[in-house]
Structure formats: C-alpha cells, structure tokens
Amino acid sequence: LGHHIASMVVWPASIYFDWVARYVVIMLSYECTSLLLTLLWVINAAGFKKSMAYKLTGLIFTVSFVVLRMVGAIPQLIAMYRMPPWSREVEYKAQPGGIHPLSWFWCMSLVLPHLLNLFWGVKVVQGALNLLLGGKKKEKKKD
C-alpha cells in the first residue's frame, strides 16, 4: 500500500516537470499484471483454487510478471546506470538551471519499484514452482 501512495505523490511531479516520464510510463505498464493477480484472488475466493482456470491464470500471471516486471526492468536499470536521472549533471543537460531542488531525491525513488518487483517476483516463481511440482508448505515442528 505504501508504494502505491508514494507513486501517487512522486509520479505526477515527474509528469508536471516532464522529467523521467518514460520510466514512469513503463512502470505503470507493469500494473497490467495486477489484473491477473486480482483474477486469481477472485477464483480462489470462489472456491476454485484446484480448477484449471486457477492454474492457467496463475501460469499466465507468473510468466507475465517475470517477463514484464523482472526481465523488463533490465533495460531500465541499464539506462539508469548509464545516465542516472538523479545526477545533477544529467538534470542540467535536460533543463539548464535545473528542474527542481529535490528532483534528485524523487528520481532515486525509481529504483524502489524494481526492488519490490524482484522481491515479489521471487515469491511468485516459488509459488508457481510449488504448485507445479506439488510441493507443500513446511509444517512447524512440534517440540
């Protein structure tokens, strides 16, 4: 929830100042996978977790999450490494005199969604493998 609130604060500023908007648009496109996640929740809540619809939606969700959010992050991270948008030098090349005194700080927030996607992506892949390979959750040992 916190990252969605932060996005609502940071991203409009990027559009207003016309700064790092391309990163924002790409990250917004990642949200299309959230529709599949919601559909998975609905199927599960309806009691059809063992159905083919659940498995198929889960597979599509997992593949789209990995391709869009994890593999798709690589070109963005490379671009940020080659020309870091939080660099004053890059900012002054784009807008002589600078954009905003805190633009470097807001630009650094562009890395956070990628870290969150990596964290959740590992969990998504683990869940999919668990489902495909028939693994079970570890039970706590009783002492």
Protein backbone atom coordinates (compact mmCIF):
# COMPACT_ATOMS: atom_id res chain seq x y z
CA LEU A 1 0.00 0.00 0.00
CA GLY A 2 2.82 2.38 0.89
CA HIS A 3 4.45 2.15 -2.53
CA HIS A 4 1.13 2.97 -4.21
CA ILE A 5 0.75 6.08 -2.07
CA ALA A 6 4.35 7.10 -2.79
CA SER A 7 3.68 6.61 -6.51
CA MET A 8 0.66 8.90 -6.37
CA VAL A 9 2.88 11.59 -4.85
CA VAL A 10 6.02 11.16 -6.97
CA TRP A 11 4.73 10.30 -10.43
CA PRO A 12 2.51 13.34 -11.02
CA ALA A 13 5.54 15.51 -10.27
CA SER A 14 7.52 13.69 -12.94
CA ILE A 15 4.81 14.40 -15.48
CA TYR A 16 4.47 18.03 -14.37
CA PHE A 17 8.21 18.67 -14.66
CA ASP A 18 8.47 16.39 -17.74
CA TRP A 19 11.28 14.55 -16.02
CA VAL A 20 11.77 10.75 -16.04
CA ALA A 21 8.29 10.35 -17.53
CA ARG A 22 9.43 7.46 -19.72
CA TYR A 23 10.37 5.45 -16.62
CA VAL A 24 7.01 6.24 -15.06
CA VAL A 25 5.04 5.15 -18.13
CA ILE A 26 6.94 1.86 -18.30
CA MET A 27 6.39 1.21 -14.59
CA LEU A 28 2.70 1.99 -14.95
CA SER A 29 2.52 -0.63 -17.71
CA TYR A 30 3.69 -3.22 -15.17
CA GLU A 31 0.35 -2.85 -13.41
CA CYS A 32 -1.41 -4.88 -16.12
CA THR A 33 -0.20 -7.97 -14.25
CA SER A 34 -2.23 -6.81 -11.24
CA LEU A 35 -5.42 -7.62 -13.16
CA LEU A 36 -4.36 -11.26 -13.32
CA LEU A 37 -3.46 -11.25 -9.63
CA THR A 38 -6.93 -9.94 -8.82
CA LEU A 39 -8.49 -12.60 -11.02
CA LEU A 40 -6.50 -15.26 -9.14
CA TRP A 41 -7.85 -13.91 -5.87
CA VAL A 42 -11.43 -13.99 -7.19
CA ILE A 43 -11.09 -17.58 -8.44
CA ASN A 44 -9.61 -18.61 -5.10
CA ALA A 45 -12.28 -16.77 -3.09
CA ALA A 46 -14.96 -18.53 -5.16
CA GLY A 47 -13.53 -21.87 -4.05
CA PHE A 48 -11.95 -22.91 -7.34
CA LYS A 49 -8.29 -22.97 -6.33
CA LYS A 50 -7.87 -26.50 -7.68
CA SER A 51 -9.53 -25.68 -11.01
CA MET A 52 -7.85 -25.48 -14.41
CA ALA A 53 -8.90 -21.80 -14.61
CA TYR A 54 -6.87 -21.05 -11.48
CA LYS A 55 -3.83 -22.93 -12.75
CA LEU A 56 -3.99 -21.34 -16.20
CA THR A 57 -4.46 -17.84 -14.80
CA GLY A 58 -1.61 -18.49 -12.37
CA LEU A 59 0.66 -19.58 -15.19
CA ILE A 60 -0.17 -16.52 -17.30
CA PHE A 61 0.30 -14.29 -14.26
CA THR A 62 3.67 -15.84 -13.41
CA VAL A 63 5.01 -15.58 -16.96
CA SER A 64 3.75 -12.02 -17.43
CA PHE A 65 5.12 -10.95 -14.03
CA VAL A 66 8.56 -12.39 -14.76
CA VAL A 67 8.72 -11.07 -18.34
CA LEU A 68 7.24 -7.61 -17.75
CA ARG A 69 8.36 -6.75 -14.25
CA MET A 70 11.63 -8.61 -13.84
CA VAL A 71 13.15 -9.06 -17.29
CA GLY A 72 11.55 -5.77 -18.41
CA ALA A 73 13.38 -3.97 -15.62
CA ILE A 74 16.80 -4.81 -17.03
CA PRO A 75 16.79 -2.18 -19.84
CA GLN A 76 15.51 0.45 -17.40
CA LEU A 77 18.18 -0.33 -14.82
CA ILE A 78 20.87 -0.25 -17.51
CA ALA A 79 19.57 3.14 -18.71
CA MET A 80 19.57 4.47 -15.14
CA TYR A 81 23.12 3.20 -14.66
CA ARG A 82 24.37 4.77 -17.89
CA MET A 83 22.66 8.10 -17.33
CA PRO A 84 21.36 8.34 -13.76
CA PRO A 85 18.36 10.66 -13.70
CA TRP A 86 19.21 11.71 -10.13
CA SER A 87 22.55 13.14 -11.31
CA ARG A 88 22.70 16.95 -11.28
CA GLU A 89 24.77 16.80 -14.47
CA VAL A 90 22.04 14.88 -16.30
CA GLU A 91 19.36 17.18 -14.88
CA TYR A 92 21.16 20.33 -16.08
CA LYS A 93 21.66 18.82 -19.54
CA ALA A 94 17.92 18.21 -19.77
CA GLN A 95 16.94 21.58 -18.30
CA PRO A 96 19.55 24.35 -17.95
CA GLY A 97 19.22 25.75 -14.44
CA GLY A 98 17.74 22.52 -13.12
CA ILE A 99 14.24 21.17 -12.75
CA HIS A 100 13.54 21.24 -9.03
CA PRO A 101 15.82 21.32 -5.97
CA LEU A 102 14.57 17.89 -4.85
CA SER A 103 14.45 16.19 -8.26
CA TRP A 104 17.49 14.05 -7.38
CA PHE A 105 15.63 12.67 -4.37
CA TRP A 106 12.45 11.86 -6.29
CA CYS A 107 14.43 10.26 -9.11
CA MET A 108 16.05 7.87 -6.69
CA SER A 109 12.57 6.53 -5.95
CA LEU A 110 12.62 5.00 -9.45
CA VAL A 111 14.72 2.13 -8.12
CA LEU A 112 12.24 1.11 -5.39
CA PRO A 113 9.61 -0.46 -7.70
CA HIS A 114 12.30 -2.66 -9.25
CA LEU A 115 13.43 -3.85 -5.82
CA LEU A 116 9.85 -4.60 -4.83
CA ASN A 117 9.24 -6.45 -8.12
CA LEU A 118 12.36 -8.53 -7.54
CA PHE A 119 11.21 -9.40 -4.02
CA TRP A 120 7.67 -10.33 -5.13
CA GLY A 121 8.91 -11.97 -8.32
CA VAL A 122 10.92 -14.49 -6.33
CA LYS A 123 7.80 -15.28 -4.28
CA VAL A 124 5.67 -15.57 -7.44
CA VAL A 125 8.11 -18.01 -9.03
CA GLN A 126 8.42 -20.01 -5.81
CA GLY A 127 4.61 -20.22 -5.57
CA ALA A 128 4.31 -21.35 -9.18
CA LEU A 129 7.00 -23.98 -8.75
CA ASN A 130 5.35 -25.14 -5.56
CA LEU A 131 2.04 -25.53 -7.40
CA LEU A 132 3.57 -27.22 -10.47
CA LEU A 133 5.81 -29.59 -8.54
CA GLY A 134 3.19 -30.38 -5.95
CA GLY A 135 5.26 -29.08 -3.07
CA LYS A 136 3.66 -28.49 0.26
CA LYS A 137 4.21 -25.72 2.76
CA LYS A 138 6.60 -26.63 5.52
CA GLU A 139 4.87 -27.54 8.71
CA LYS A 140 6.18 -26.25 12.01
CA LYS A 141 7.89 -28.87 14.11
CA LYS A 142 6.16 -29.69 17.34
CA ASP A 143 8.53 -29.95 20.25
